[in-house]
Amino acid sequence: MSSDISTEVVRAATGRDLLASLAALDPLPRRASTNPELEFATFKTALEGRQVGQIVVAYVDLMAAVRAIVQGALGHAYHPSPAELRMQCDAKRDERLAEIATAARRRAAEEDQASYRSTSPKTPEARERVASTYAKFCKASAQASLELATKNFHSQPRQALLSPLPADVSLPLRQVGEAAAPITKAVGPPDPKTVCGTAKPGSAPV
């Protein structure tokens, strides 16, 4: 909350408060010299409401506006006009009311949160129920993770098997149970003991 804005119960500014405010603004240069009495009457009218002679601007808003004007809130270094002072007072009033509303909403939210909290100490049975519920949750979460991992494990190899082989791949495939191809002997001179693959009869012993 800003240091120049009060959220306490406020009172309306008085003529004496207006005189003090004009005295605080007096060091600022003026665009033209004015009659002090006429100037006070004009500023007082700027701070009034619909009822003539009744100032409706709060004292805290008037003081905050004077401080902001001295600090350059109007964008120029001259003494403010009556209308400029009233507009600055209204701006400070809006800031103060907005901060009050924000603080009220914050307190209401904190009270709502506090109402949901249990003030009584938890019994052993209550703690056991909480622990049991948490254990069931952990078990169900682990089971779901396991089922998902199993599903992914079984689905991935099947997709790999169904994928076609590249066109440039040639593998020596054979059916299950098929005998391996016989080993072919190297080509060379015929065996003198065989004729067309038949063994030649040996010579009789002498």
C-alpha atoms as a PDB file:
ATOM      1  CA  MET A   1       0.000   0.000   0.000  1.00  0.00           C
ATOM      2  CA  SER A   2       1.262   3.475  -0.846  1.00  0.00           C
ATOM      3  CA  SER A   3       2.609   5.484   2.046  1.00  0.00           C
ATOM      4  CA  ASP A   4       0.602   8.581   1.052  1.00  0.00           C
ATOM      5  CA  ILE A   5      -2.782   6.852   0.999  1.00  0.00           C
ATOM      6  CA  SER A   6      -4.657   5.950   4.183  1.00  0.00           C
ATOM      7  CA  THR A   7      -7.265   3.186   4.427  1.00  0.00           C
ATOM      8  CA  GLU A   8      -8.574   4.313   7.822  1.00  0.00           C
ATOM      9  CA  VAL A   9     -11.947   5.973   8.414  1.00  0.00           C
ATOM     10  CA  VAL A  10     -11.677   9.299   6.644  1.00  0.00           C
ATOM     11  CA  ARG A  11     -13.187  12.686   7.285  1.00  0.00           C
ATOM     12  CA  ALA A  12     -14.034  15.448   4.868  1.00  0.00           C
ATOM     13  CA  ALA A  13     -11.556  18.258   4.469  1.00  0.00           C
ATOM     14  CA  THR A  14     -12.314  21.606   6.058  1.00  0.00           C
ATOM     15  CA  GLY A  15     -11.575  25.169   5.075  1.00  0.00           C
ATOM     16  CA  ARG A  16      -8.565  25.127   7.368  1.00  0.00           C
ATOM     17  CA  ASP A  17      -7.268  22.000   5.594  1.00  0.00           C
ATOM     18  CA  LEU A  18      -7.663  23.786   2.265  1.00  0.00           C
ATOM     19  CA  LEU A  19      -5.691  26.776   3.526  1.00  0.00           C
ATOM     20  CA  ALA A  20      -2.892  24.461   4.656  1.00  0.00           C
ATOM     21  CA  SER A  21      -2.896  22.768   1.241  1.00  0.00           C
ATOM     22  CA  LEU A  22      -2.679  26.087  -0.618  1.00  0.00           C
ATOM     23  CA  ALA A  23       0.163  27.143   1.648  1.00  0.00           C
ATOM     24  CA  ALA A  24       2.026  23.942   0.754  1.00  0.00           C
ATOM     25  CA  LEU A  25       1.465  24.650  -2.946  1.00  0.00           C
ATOM     26  CA  ASP A  26       2.358  28.329  -2.737  1.00  0.00           C
ATOM     27  CA  PRO A  27       6.102  27.865  -3.525  1.00  0.00           C
ATOM     28  CA  LEU A  28       5.173  26.576  -7.010  1.00  0.00           C
ATOM     29  CA  PRO A  29       5.390  29.294  -9.692  1.00  0.00           C
ATOM     30  CA  ARG A  30       2.110  30.757 -10.867  1.00  0.00           C
ATOM     31  CA  ARG A  31       1.120  31.583 -14.375  1.00  0.00           C
ATOM     32  CA  ALA A  32      -0.584  34.782 -13.229  1.00  0.00           C
ATOM     33  CA  SER A  33      -1.141  36.651  -9.976  1.00  0.00           C
ATOM     34  CA  THR A  34      -4.579  36.268  -8.375  1.00  0.00           C
ATOM     35  CA  ASN A  35      -6.585  37.715  -5.513  1.00  0.00           C
ATOM     36  CA  PRO A  36      -5.986  35.509  -2.430  1.00  0.00           C
ATOM     37  CA  GLU A  37      -9.627  35.669  -1.312  1.00  0.00           C
ATOM     38  CA  LEU A  38     -10.949  34.909  -4.785  1.00  0.00           C
ATOM     39  CA  GLU A  39      -8.404  32.113  -5.155  1.00  0.00           C
ATOM     40  CA  PHE A  40      -9.473  30.490  -1.890  1.00  0.00           C
ATOM     41  CA  ALA A  41     -13.162  30.703  -2.842  1.00  0.00           C
ATOM     42  CA  THR A  42     -12.466  29.129  -6.237  1.00  0.00           C
ATOM     43  CA  PHE A  43     -10.456  26.260  -4.776  1.00  0.00           C
ATOM     44  CA  LYS A  44     -13.117  25.680  -2.119  1.00  0.00           C
ATOM     45  CA  THR A  45     -15.783  25.462  -4.824  1.00  0.00           C
ATOM     46  CA  ALA A  46     -13.648  22.913  -6.677  1.00  0.00           C
ATOM     47  CA  LEU A  47     -13.638  20.655  -3.600  1.00  0.00           C
ATOM     48  CA  GLU A  48     -17.390  20.892  -2.956  1.00  0.00           C
ATOM     49  CA  GLY A  49     -20.136  18.507  -3.994  1.00  0.00           C
ATOM     50  CA  ARG A  50     -23.604  19.285  -5.260  1.00  0.00           C
ATOM     51  CA  GLN A  51     -24.449  21.149  -2.088  1.00  0.00           C
ATOM     52  CA  VAL A  52     -22.957  24.622  -2.090  1.00  0.00           C
ATOM     53  CA  GLY A  53     -20.471  25.279   0.702  1.00  0.00           C
ATOM     54  CA  GLN A  54     -19.971  21.604   1.673  1.00  0.00           C
ATOM     55  CA  ILE A  55     -16.546  20.113   0.885  1.00  0.00           C
ATOM     56  CA  VAL A  56     -16.840  16.436  -0.077  1.00  0.00           C
ATOM     57  CA  VAL A  57     -13.158  15.702  -0.727  1.00  0.00           C
ATOM     58  CA  ALA A  58     -11.604  13.606   2.041  1.00  0.00           C
ATOM     59  CA  TYR A  59      -8.756  15.093   4.020  1.00  0.00           C
ATOM     60  CA  VAL A  60      -6.417  12.155   3.270  1.00  0.00           C
ATOM     61  CA  ASP A  61      -7.121  12.475  -0.460  1.00  0.00           C
ATOM     62  CA  LEU A  62      -6.431  16.229  -0.373  1.00  0.00           C
ATOM     63  CA  MET A  63      -3.114  15.728   1.413  1.00  0.00           C
ATOM     64  CA  ALA A  64      -2.114  12.914  -0.953  1.00  0.00           C
ATOM     65  CA  ALA A  65      -3.016  15.072  -3.969  1.00  0.00           C
ATOM     66  CA  VAL A  66      -0.917  18.021  -2.714  1.00  0.00           C
ATOM     67  CA  ARG A  67       2.042  15.722  -2.154  1.00  0.00           C
ATOM     68  CA  ALA A  68       1.685  14.181  -5.637  1.00  0.00           C
ATOM     69  CA  ILE A  69       1.421  17.613  -7.280  1.00  0.00           C
ATOM     70  CA  VAL A  70       4.585  18.850  -5.554  1.00  0.00           C
ATOM     71  CA  GLN A  71       6.288  15.675  -6.821  1.00  0.00           C
ATOM     72  CA  GLY A  72       5.265  16.457 -10.425  1.00  0.00           C
ATOM     73  CA  ALA A  73       2.130  14.364 -10.897  1.00  0.00           C
ATOM     74  CA  LEU A  74       0.549  17.018 -13.153  1.00  0.00           C
ATOM     75  CA  GLY A  75       3.361  16.902 -15.679  1.00  0.00           C
ATOM     76  CA  HIS A  76       4.292  20.558 -15.178  1.00  0.00           C
ATOM     77  CA  ALA A  77       5.974  22.573 -12.432  1.00  0.00           C
ATOM     78  CA  TYR A  78       3.351  25.316 -12.070  1.00  0.00           C
ATOM     79  CA  HIS A  79       0.826  25.933  -9.327  1.00  0.00           C
ATOM     80  CA  PRO A  80      -2.268  23.794 -10.014  1.00  0.00           C
ATOM     81  CA  SER A  81      -5.573  25.271 -11.049  1.00  0.00           C
ATOM     82  CA  PRO A  82      -8.658  24.517  -8.938  1.00  0.00           C
ATOM     83  CA  ALA A  83      -9.804  21.930 -11.485  1.00  0.00           C
ATOM     84  CA  GLU A  84      -6.396  20.220 -11.499  1.00  0.00           C
ATOM     85  CA  LEU A  85      -6.407  19.974  -7.698  1.00  0.00           C
ATOM     86  CA  ARG A  86      -9.899  18.421  -7.717  1.00  0.00           C
ATOM     87  CA  MET A  87      -8.973  15.894 -10.424  1.00  0.00           C
ATOM     88  CA  GLN A  88      -5.878  14.878  -8.480  1.00  0.00           C
ATOM     89  CA  CYS A  89      -7.966  14.479  -5.306  1.00  0.00           C
ATOM     90  CA  ASP A  90     -10.416  12.232  -7.183  1.00  0.00           C
ATOM     91  CA  ALA A  91      -7.544  10.130  -8.531  1.00  0.00           C
ATOM     92  CA  LYS A  92      -6.163   9.589  -5.031  1.00  0.00           C
ATOM     93  CA  ARG A  93      -9.656   8.704  -3.794  1.00  0.00           C
ATOM     94  CA  ASP A  94     -10.006   6.044  -6.505  1.00  0.00           C
ATOM     95  CA  GLU A  95      -6.591   4.590  -5.580  1.00  0.00           C
ATOM     96  CA  ARG A  96      -7.521   4.464  -1.901  1.00  0.00           C
ATOM     97  CA  LEU A  97     -10.871   2.770  -2.528  1.00  0.00           C
ATOM     98  CA  ALA A  98      -9.269   0.246  -4.887  1.00  0.00           C
ATOM     99  CA  GLU A  99      -6.705  -0.678  -2.237  1.00  0.00           C
ATOM    100  CA  ILE A 100      -9.448  -1.048   0.374  1.00  0.00           C
ATOM    101  CA  ALA A 101     -11.390  -3.384  -1.944  1.00  0.00           C
ATOM    102  CA  THR A 102      -8.269  -5.438  -2.688  1.00  0.00           C
ATOM    103  CA  ALA A 103      -7.490  -5.800   1.010  1.00  0.00           C
ATOM    104  CA  ALA A 104     -11.092  -6.834   1.714  1.00  0.00           C
ATOM    105  CA  ARG A 105     -10.989  -9.526  -0.991  1.00  0.00           C
ATOM    106  CA  ARG A 106      -7.684 -10.805   0.373  1.00  0.00           C
ATOM    107  CA  ARG A 107      -9.084 -11.058   3.897  1.00  0.00           C
ATOM    108  CA  ALA A 108     -12.205 -12.836   2.625  1.00  0.00           C
ATOM    109  CA  ALA A 109     -10.082 -15.362   0.719  1.00  0.00           C
ATOM    110  CA  GLU A 110      -7.915 -16.013   3.768  1.00  0.00           C
ATOM    111  CA  GLU A 111     -11.004 -16.527   5.933  1.00  0.00           C
ATOM    112  CA  ASP A 112     -12.445 -18.971   3.399  1.00  0.00           C
ATOM    113  CA  GLN A 113      -9.221 -20.952   3.358  1.00  0.00           C
ATOM    114  CA  ALA A 114      -9.088 -20.987   7.142  1.00  0.00           C
ATOM    115  CA  SER A 115     -12.671 -22.298   7.325  1.00  0.00           C
ATOM    116  CA  TYR A 116     -11.687 -25.377   5.299  1.00  0.00           C
ATOM    117  CA  ARG A 117      -8.806 -26.241   7.566  1.00  0.00           C
ATOM    118  CA  SER A 118      -9.556 -28.661  10.402  1.00  0.00           C
ATOM    119  CA  THR A 119      -8.673 -27.275  13.820  1.00  0.00           C
ATOM    120  CA  SER A 120      -9.153 -30.559  15.686  1.00  0.00           C
ATOM    121  CA  PRO A 121      -6.190 -32.980  15.929  1.00  0.00           C
ATOM    122  CA  LYS A 122      -6.385 -36.067  13.714  1.00  0.00           C
ATOM    123  CA  THR A 123      -7.123 -39.361  15.462  1.00  0.00           C
ATOM    124  CA  PRO A 124      -5.094 -42.538  14.791  1.00  0.00           C
ATOM    125  CA  GLU A 125      -8.045 -43.919  12.836  1.00  0.00           C
ATOM    126  CA  ALA A 126      -8.090 -40.844  10.610  1.00  0.00           C
ATOM    127  CA  ARG A 127      -4.365 -41.061   9.993  1.00  0.00           C
ATOM    128  CA  GLU A 128      -4.729 -44.755   9.167  1.00  0.00           C
ATOM    129  CA  ARG A 129      -7.473 -44.017   6.639  1.00  0.00           C
ATOM    130  CA  VAL A 130      -5.310 -41.373   4.998  1.00  0.00           C
ATOM    131  CA  ALA A 131      -2.349 -43.765   4.817  1.00  0.00           C
ATOM    132  CA  SER A 132      -4.551 -46.535   3.387  1.00  0.00           C
ATOM    133  CA  THR A 133      -5.989 -44.243   0.745  1.00  0.00           C
ATOM    134  CA  TYR A 134      -2.521 -43.059  -0.250  1.00  0.00           C
ATOM    135  CA  ALA A 135      -1.241 -46.676  -0.461  1.00  0.00           C
ATOM    136  CA  LYS A 136      -4.157 -47.634  -2.733  1.00  0.00           C
ATOM    137  CA  PHE A 137      -3.434 -44.659  -4.941  1.00  0.00           C
ATOM    138  CA  CYS A 138       0.241 -45.609  -5.232  1.00  0.00           C
ATOM    139  CA  LYS A 139      -0.658 -49.229  -6.038  1.00  0.00           C
ATOM    140  CA  ALA A 140      -3.157 -48.234  -8.721  1.00  0.00           C
ATOM    141  CA  SER A 141      -0.658 -45.816 -10.251  1.00  0.00           C
ATOM    142  CA  ALA A 142       2.065 -48.487 -10.348  1.00  0.00           C
ATOM    143  CA  GLN A 143      -0.337 -51.029 -11.904  1.00  0.00           C
ATOM    144  CA  ALA A 144      -1.354 -48.572 -14.587  1.00  0.00           C
ATOM    145  CA  SER A 145       2.287 -47.817 -15.387  1.00  0.00           C
ATOM    146  CA  LEU A 146       3.054 -51.558 -15.609  1.00  0.00           C
ATOM    147  CA  GLU A 147       0.147 -52.232 -17.941  1.00  0.00           C
ATOM    148  CA  LEU A 148       1.184 -49.363 -20.188  1.00  0.00           C
ATOM    149  CA  ALA A 149       4.796 -50.577 -20.307  1.00  0.00           C
ATOM    150  CA  THR A 150       3.649 -54.156 -21.103  1.00  0.00           C
ATOM    151  CA  LYS A 151       1.383 -52.952 -23.865  1.00  0.00           C
ATOM    152  CA  ASN A 152       4.183 -50.931 -25.429  1.00  0.00           C
ATOM    153  CA  PHE A 153       6.579 -53.902 -25.147  1.00  0.00           C
ATOM    154  CA  HIS A 154       4.238 -56.299 -27.006  1.00  0.00           C
ATOM    155  CA  SER A 155       3.184 -53.849 -29.663  1.00  0.00           C
ATOM    156  CA  GLN A 156       6.659 -52.658 -30.667  1.00  0.00           C
ATOM    157  CA  PRO A 157       8.161 -56.076 -31.908  1.00  0.00           C
ATOM    158  CA  ARG A 158       4.994 -56.850 -33.849  1.00  0.00           C
ATOM    159  CA  GLN A 159       5.285 -53.615 -35.752  1.00  0.00           C
ATOM    160  CA  ALA A 160       8.926 -54.333 -36.490  1.00  0.00           C
ATOM    161  CA  LEU A 161       8.085 -57.820 -37.903  1.00  0.00           C
ATOM    162  CA  LEU A 162       5.359 -56.492 -40.140  1.00  0.00           C
ATOM    163  CA  SER A 163       7.621 -53.873 -41.613  1.00  0.00           C
ATOM    164  CA  PRO A 164       8.759 -54.837 -45.184  1.00  0.00           C
ATOM    165  CA  LEU A 165      12.431 -55.432 -45.857  1.00  0.00           C
ATOM    166  CA  PRO A 166      14.301 -52.987 -48.055  1.00  0.00           C
ATOM    167  CA  ALA A 167      14.329 -53.820 -51.749  1.00  0.00           C
ATOM    168  CA  ASP A 168      18.121 -54.140 -51.916  1.00  0.00           C
ATOM    169  CA  VAL A 169      18.368 -56.769 -49.139  1.00  0.00           C
ATOM    170  CA  SER A 170      18.879 -60.453 -50.254  1.00  0.00           C
ATOM    171  CA  LEU A 171      19.086 -63.054 -47.499  1.00  0.00           C
ATOM    172  CA  PRO A 172      19.603 -66.871 -47.919  1.00  0.00           C
ATOM    173  CA  LEU A 173      16.248 -67.982 -46.532  1.00  0.00           C
ATOM    174  CA  ARG A 174      15.038 -71.618 -46.296  1.00  0.00           C
ATOM    175  CA  GLN A 175      11.994 -73.265 -44.877  1.00  0.00           C
ATOM    176  CA  VAL A 176      12.007 -74.821 -41.457  1.00  0.00           C
ATOM    177  CA  GLY A 177      12.953 -78.529 -41.713  1.00  0.00           C
ATOM    178  CA  GLU A 178      14.503 -78.150 -45.135  1.00  0.00           C
ATOM    179  CA  ALA A 179      17.830 -80.006 -45.437  1.00  0.00           C
ATOM    180  CA  ALA A 180      20.884 -78.004 -46.097  1.00  0.00           C
ATOM    181  CA  ALA A 181      22.240 -78.077 -49.622  1.00  0.00           C
ATOM    182  CA  PRO A 182      24.838 -80.882 -50.135  1.00  0.00           C
ATOM    183  CA  ILE A 183      28.433 -79.910 -50.321  1.00  0.00           C
ATOM    184  CA  THR A 184      29.690 -80.244 -53.882  1.00  0.00           C
ATOM    185  CA  LYS A 185      33.116 -81.840 -54.339  1.00  0.00           C
ATOM    186  CA  ALA A 186      35.724 -79.896 -56.168  1.00  0.00           C
ATOM    187  CA  VAL A 187      36.068 -80.795 -59.853  1.00  0.00           C
ATOM    188  CA  GLY A 188      39.250 -82.858 -60.577  1.00  0.00           C
ATOM    189  CA  PRO A 189      40.564 -86.020 -62.291  1.00  0.00           C
ATOM    190  CA  PRO A 190      38.386 -89.151 -61.836  1.00  0.00           C
ATOM    191  CA  ASP A 191      39.235 -91.639 -59.172  1.00  0.00           C
ATOM    192  CA  PRO A 192      40.923 -94.645 -60.808  1.00  0.00           C
ATOM    193  CA  LYS A 193      39.032 -96.980 -58.492  1.00  0.00           C
ATOM    194  CA  THR A 194      35.628 -95.856 -59.749  1.00  0.00           C
ATOM    195  CA  VAL A 195      33.996 -96.097 -63.122  1.00  0.00           C
ATOM    196  CA  CYS A 196      30.994 -93.828 -63.569  1.00  0.00           C
ATOM    197  CA  GLY A 197      30.666 -93.728 -59.859  1.00  0.00           C
ATOM    198  CA  THR A 198      30.932 -97.608 -59.417  1.00  0.00           C
ATOM    199  CA  ALA A 199      33.852 -99.179 -57.617  1.00  0.00           C
ATOM    200  CA  LYS A 200      36.138-101.186 -59.920  1.00  0.00           C
ATOM    201  CA  PRO A 201      36.551-104.878 -58.841  1.00  0.00           C
ATOM    202  CA  GLY A 202      39.926-105.473 -57.354  1.00  0.00           C
ATOM    203  CA  SER A 203      42.424-107.894 -58.903  1.00  0.00           C
ATOM    204  CA  ALA A 204      42.380-111.460 -57.675  1.00  0.00           C
ATOM    205  CA  PRO A 205      45.217-112.291 -55.432  1.00  0.00           C
ATOM    206  CA  VAL A 206      47.930-114.314 -57.088  1.00  0.00           C
END
